[in-house]
Amino acid sequence: MHPILLKIGDITIHTYGFFVAMGFLAGILLANSEAKRLGVDHEKVMDLCFYILIAAIVGSRLFYVAINYELFLSNPLDVFKIWSGGLVFYGGFIAAFFTAFIYLKINKMPVWLTGDIAAPSLAIGHFLGRLGCFSAGCCFGKECDLPWAVTFTNPETLAPIGIPLHPTQLYSSISNLIIFFFLWFFRKRTKFHGQLFWIYVLLYGATRSFIEIFRGDFRGNPVFDLLSVSQAIGISMSVIAVIMLICVSSATKERSEN
């Protein structure tokens, strides 16, 4: 709705970049607090957050460019203009996941417990990031005539102007906030390390796949002429999460019995 938050002379602060930055900051502060509560080296967790930040930005941008490469053929340097929108969460999540896994192994940190620390941070950070999407107009929805439809009018928005649309950015933001509250309530009631993380993956994958139904922006070539790329990834992540919950639970139970 308001792509530019503030402009002072030649300095422009984009609303999208502001909310993404606030999302990362909130996530880092929350992860630091949870690491202290659970007795994990919070300094190493803070270092991990730095590597995750870099990996998430690079991975999410590369994923966006890969599925929308036609947009950059005439102006390749636009690849670097991330402040105006164009980050795909799944790309960032996958890059951050493998970066974190390598870091944890090198530093001999508990993988699944650290994942539990990260889960609420991911949800609250994504909640704020999607508000940035709404401000920039990216990730917009299909045309609709619902009472809560949103019509973008700012000429600098990335959404179609003057057409009532599903506010899919807000759908995603609200769903992430609900996931965060659930994880925050459940975090002291887990039965094994990794449970919170994989519940997050399950819930996010499921809700994201559903919200994709209402998206109106280009989603890349459909998978099997049926699912968007993000839907296919979301469903796959949910299935993997269920399998991992069963496997990690069984492994934990076996270790406790031996």
Protein backbone atom coordinates (compact mmCIF):
# COMPACT_ATOMS: atom_id res chain seq x y z
CA MET A 1 0.00 0.00 0.00
CA HIS A 2 2.92 2.32 0.81
CA PRO A 3 6.07 1.06 -0.97
CA ILE A 4 8.18 3.94 0.33
CA LEU A 5 8.27 4.39 4.09
CA LEU A 6 10.49 7.43 4.25
CA LYS A 7 12.46 9.61 1.87
CA ILE A 8 15.11 12.08 3.03
CA GLY A 9 16.91 13.77 0.16
CA ASP A 10 18.48 11.03 -1.93
CA ILE A 11 17.96 8.44 0.80
CA THR A 12 14.90 6.22 0.34
CA ILE A 13 13.76 3.72 2.95
CA HIS A 14 11.48 1.13 1.35
CA THR A 15 8.72 -0.25 3.55
CA TYR A 16 9.41 -3.78 2.30
CA GLY A 17 13.05 -3.63 3.37
CA PHE A 18 12.12 -2.08 6.70
CA PHE A 19 9.69 -4.86 7.64
CA VAL A 20 12.06 -7.59 6.45
CA ALA A 21 14.81 -6.06 8.60
CA MET A 22 12.44 -5.84 11.57
CA GLY A 23 11.49 -9.47 11.03
CA PHE A 24 15.12 -10.58 11.14
CA LEU A 25 15.79 -8.42 14.21
CA ALA A 26 12.77 -9.79 16.09
CA GLY A 27 13.74 -13.34 15.17
CA ILE A 28 17.34 -12.89 16.31
CA LEU A 29 16.34 -11.35 19.65
CA LEU A 30 13.81 -14.10 20.28
CA ALA A 31 16.30 -16.85 19.37
CA ASN A 32 18.86 -15.33 21.73
CA SER A 33 16.33 -15.32 24.55
CA GLU A 34 15.27 -18.93 23.91
CA ALA A 35 18.90 -20.09 23.71
CA LYS A 36 19.57 -18.67 27.17
CA ARG A 37 16.41 -20.31 28.54
CA LEU A 38 17.37 -23.73 27.16
CA GLY A 39 21.03 -23.53 28.14
CA VAL A 40 22.43 -23.37 24.60
CA ASP A 41 25.45 -21.14 23.93
CA HIS A 42 23.64 -17.95 22.95
CA GLU A 43 26.78 -16.39 21.45
CA LYS A 44 27.06 -19.27 18.99
CA VAL A 45 23.35 -18.93 18.28
CA MET A 46 23.87 -15.25 17.48
CA ASP A 47 26.72 -16.16 15.12
CA LEU A 48 24.44 -18.75 13.54
CA CYS A 49 21.77 -16.08 13.04
CA PHE A 50 24.26 -13.99 11.06
CA TYR A 51 25.03 -16.87 8.70
CA ILE A 52 21.34 -17.70 8.40
CA LEU A 53 20.59 -14.06 7.55
CA ILE A 54 23.05 -14.05 4.66
CA ALA A 55 21.98 -17.48 3.40
CA ALA A 56 18.28 -16.60 3.63
CA ILE A 57 18.64 -13.38 1.64
CA VAL A 58 20.80 -14.97 -1.06
CA GLY A 59 18.70 -18.14 -1.28
CA SER A 60 15.34 -16.36 -1.36
CA ARG A 61 16.52 -13.94 -4.04
CA LEU A 62 18.08 -16.63 -6.22
CA PHE A 63 14.88 -18.69 -6.00
CA TYR A 64 12.80 -15.67 -7.05
CA VAL A 65 15.13 -14.91 -9.96
CA ALA A 66 15.07 -18.57 -11.05
CA ILE A 67 11.27 -18.71 -11.37
CA ASN A 68 10.96 -15.18 -12.78
CA TYR A 69 14.10 -15.00 -14.92
CA GLU A 70 12.26 -13.31 -17.81
CA LEU A 71 11.93 -10.18 -15.66
CA PHE A 72 15.70 -9.79 -15.47
CA LEU A 73 16.79 -10.57 -19.02
CA SER A 74 16.67 -6.93 -20.15
CA ASN A 75 17.99 -5.48 -16.86
CA PRO A 76 20.25 -8.06 -15.15
CA LEU A 77 21.35 -5.58 -12.46
CA ASP A 78 17.78 -5.56 -11.14
CA VAL A 79 18.66 -8.90 -9.54
CA PHE A 80 20.30 -6.93 -6.74
CA LYS A 81 17.32 -4.64 -6.04
CA ILE A 82 15.89 -6.71 -3.20
CA TRP A 83 14.61 -3.66 -1.33
CA SER A 84 11.63 -3.33 -3.69
CA GLY A 85 10.41 -6.92 -3.25
CA GLY A 86 11.23 -10.27 -4.75
CA LEU A 87 12.28 -12.73 -2.04
CA VAL A 88 10.86 -16.26 -2.01
CA PHE A 89 10.65 -17.71 1.49
CA TYR A 90 11.22 -21.31 0.44
CA GLY A 91 14.49 -20.43 -1.29
CA GLY A 92 15.69 -18.67 1.83
CA PHE A 93 14.46 -21.46 4.11
CA ILE A 94 16.25 -24.18 2.15
CA ALA A 95 19.50 -22.21 1.95
CA ALA A 96 19.31 -21.30 5.65
CA PHE A 97 18.49 -24.89 6.64
CA PHE A 98 21.60 -26.36 5.03
CA THR A 99 23.77 -23.47 6.20
CA ALA A 100 22.54 -23.95 9.76
CA PHE A 101 23.01 -27.73 9.60
CA ILE A 102 26.64 -27.37 8.49
CA TYR A 103 27.32 -24.71 11.13
CA LEU A 104 25.79 -26.82 13.91
CA LYS A 105 27.79 -29.88 12.90
CA ILE A 106 31.07 -27.94 12.74
CA ASN A 107 30.43 -26.33 16.13
CA LYS A 108 29.06 -29.55 17.65
CA MET A 109 25.80 -27.93 18.70
CA PRO A 110 22.53 -29.85 19.27
CA VAL A 111 20.82 -29.82 15.88
CA TRP A 112 17.20 -30.48 16.81
CA LEU A 113 17.24 -28.43 20.00
CA THR A 114 18.61 -25.47 18.05
CA GLY A 115 15.87 -26.05 15.49
CA ASP A 116 13.31 -25.75 18.29
CA ILE A 117 14.93 -22.46 19.32
CA ALA A 118 14.65 -21.18 15.76
CA ALA A 119 11.04 -22.20 15.06
CA PRO A 120 9.18 -19.36 16.85
CA SER A 121 11.72 -16.88 15.46
CA LEU A 122 10.99 -18.03 11.92
CA ALA A 123 7.26 -17.58 12.44
CA ILE A 124 7.42 -14.10 13.98
CA GLY A 125 10.01 -12.95 11.46
CA HIS A 126 7.86 -14.14 8.58
CA PHE A 127 4.82 -12.43 10.08
CA LEU A 128 6.61 -9.08 9.89
CA GLY A 129 8.15 -9.81 6.50
CA ARG A 130 4.75 -10.41 4.93
CA LEU A 131 3.63 -6.99 6.12
CA GLY A 132 6.47 -5.71 3.97
CA CYS A 133 5.09 -7.68 1.03
CA PHE A 134 1.71 -6.05 1.57
CA SER A 135 3.31 -2.61 1.62
CA ALA A 136 5.26 -3.23 -1.58
CA GLY A 137 2.36 -4.94 -3.35
CA CYS A 138 4.28 -8.10 -4.22
CA CYS A 139 2.82 -11.57 -3.64
CA PHE A 140 -0.62 -10.14 -4.46
CA GLY A 141 -3.82 -12.13 -4.74
CA LYS A 142 -6.38 -12.87 -7.40
CA GLU A 143 -9.21 -10.52 -8.22
CA CYS A 144 -12.21 -10.89 -5.91
CA ASP A 145 -15.32 -9.05 -4.70
CA LEU A 146 -15.07 -9.98 -1.03
CA PRO A 147 -15.71 -7.31 1.64
CA TRP A 148 -12.05 -7.44 2.72
CA ALA A 149 -10.65 -7.17 -0.81
CA VAL A 150 -7.79 -4.67 -1.13
CA THR A 151 -7.36 -2.22 -4.00
CA PHE A 152 -3.85 -0.89 -4.59
CA THR A 153 -3.64 2.69 -5.86
CA ASN A 154 -0.01 3.75 -5.33
CA PRO A 155 1.69 4.00 -8.75
CA GLU A 156 4.88 2.48 -7.32
CA THR A 157 3.17 -0.67 -6.08
CA LEU A 158 4.04 -4.05 -7.58
CA ALA A 159 0.37 -5.10 -7.55
CA PRO A 160 -2.21 -4.37 -10.27
CA ILE A 161 -3.70 -0.92 -9.67
CA GLY A 162 -7.42 -0.25 -9.23
CA ILE A 163 -8.49 -3.89 -8.99
CA PRO A 164 -9.92 -5.43 -5.77
CA LEU A 165 -7.67 -8.34 -4.83
CA HIS A 166 -7.36 -11.03 -2.20
CA PRO A 167 -4.96 -9.63 0.44
CA THR A 168 -2.87 -12.80 0.32
CA GLN A 169 0.03 -11.04 1.99
CA LEU A 170 -2.15 -10.47 5.04
CA TYR A 171 -3.48 -14.04 4.89
CA SER A 172 0.12 -15.22 5.11
CA SER A 173 1.07 -12.70 7.78
CA ILE A 174 -1.87 -13.63 10.01
CA SER A 175 -1.30 -17.36 9.53
CA ASN A 176 2.35 -16.94 10.58
CA LEU A 177 1.27 -15.00 13.65
CA ILE A 178 -1.13 -17.79 14.61
CA ILE A 179 1.63 -20.36 14.07
CA PHE A 180 3.93 -18.28 16.26
CA PHE A 181 1.44 -18.14 19.13
CA PHE A 182 0.88 -21.90 18.88
CA LEU A 183 4.63 -22.60 18.94
CA TRP A 184 5.16 -20.16 21.78
CA PHE A 185 2.46 -21.90 23.85
CA PHE A 186 3.71 -25.38 22.96
CA ARG A 187 7.46 -24.73 23.36
CA LYS A 188 7.52 -25.76 27.04
CA ARG A 189 5.41 -28.85 26.40
CA THR A 190 7.50 -30.65 23.79
CA LYS A 191 8.33 -34.32 24.36
CA PHE A 192 11.52 -34.49 22.29
CA HIS A 193 14.02 -32.16 20.64
CA GLY A 194 13.06 -31.26 17.09
CA GLN A 195 9.33 -31.55 17.72
CA LEU A 196 8.73 -27.79 17.69
CA PHE A 197 10.77 -27.27 14.53
CA TRP A 198 9.04 -29.97 12.52
CA ILE A 199 5.61 -28.86 13.75
CA TYR A 200 6.50 -25.43 12.39
CA VAL A 201 7.49 -26.92 9.03
CA LEU A 202 4.27 -28.95 8.94
CA LEU A 203 2.00 -26.00 9.78
CA TYR A 204 3.74 -23.55 7.50
CA GLY A 205 3.83 -25.93 4.55
CA ALA A 206 0.11 -26.69 4.93
CA THR A 207 -1.05 -23.09 5.36
CA ARG A 208 1.20 -21.79 2.59
CA SER A 209 -0.11 -24.42 0.17
CA PHE A 210 -3.68 -23.36 0.95
CA ILE A 211 -3.00 -19.62 0.61
CA GLU A 212 -1.37 -20.27 -2.77
CA ILE A 213 -4.86 -20.97 -4.14
CA PHE A 214 -5.63 -17.26 -3.87
CA ARG A 215 -2.36 -15.89 -5.25
CA GLY A 216 -2.62 -13.87 -8.45
CA ASP A 217 1.01 -13.11 -9.26
CA PHE A 218 3.10 -15.29 -11.59
CA ARG A 219 4.01 -18.45 -9.66
CA GLY A 220 6.37 -20.06 -12.15
CA ASN A 221 5.47 -22.95 -14.42
CA PRO A 222 2.97 -25.26 -12.68
CA VAL A 223 4.08 -28.65 -11.42
CA PHE A 224 2.15 -31.47 -13.15
CA ASP A 225 -0.08 -28.69 -14.59
CA LEU A 226 -1.78 -28.64 -11.22
CA LEU A 227 0.30 -27.11 -8.43
CA SER A 228 2.36 -23.95 -8.20
CA VAL A 229 6.03 -24.44 -7.34
CA SER A 230 5.38 -23.14 -3.82
CA GLN A 231 2.40 -25.47 -3.37
CA ALA A 232 4.47 -28.46 -4.44
CA ILE A 233 7.25 -27.48 -2.04
CA GLY A 234 4.79 -26.78 0.78
CA ILE A 235 3.05 -30.13 0.43
CA SER A 236 6.40 -31.91 0.23
CA MET A 237 7.64 -30.11 3.34
CA SER A 238 4.50 -31.08 5.26
CA VAL A 239 4.93 -34.74 4.31
CA ILE A 240 8.62 -34.66 5.26
CA ALA A 241 7.71 -32.98 8.55
CA VAL A 242 5.26 -35.76 9.45
CA ILE A 243 7.87 -38.40 8.61
CA MET A 244 10.53 -36.60 10.64
CA LEU A 245 8.23 -36.20 13.64
CA ILE A 246 7.65 -39.95 13.62
CA CYS A 247 11.33 -40.79 13.09
CA VAL A 248 12.77 -38.36 15.66
CA SER A 249 10.12 -39.39 18.20
CA SER A 250 10.91 -43.08 17.70
CA ALA A 251 14.66 -42.48 17.92
CA THR A 252 14.23 -40.49 21.13
CA LYS A 253 12.04 -43.22 22.63
CA GLU A 254 14.59 -45.93 21.75
CA ARG A 255 17.43 -43.97 23.35
CA SER A 256 15.41 -43.48 26.55
CA GLU A 257 14.65 -47.22 26.76
CA ASN A 258 18.28 -48.32 26.27
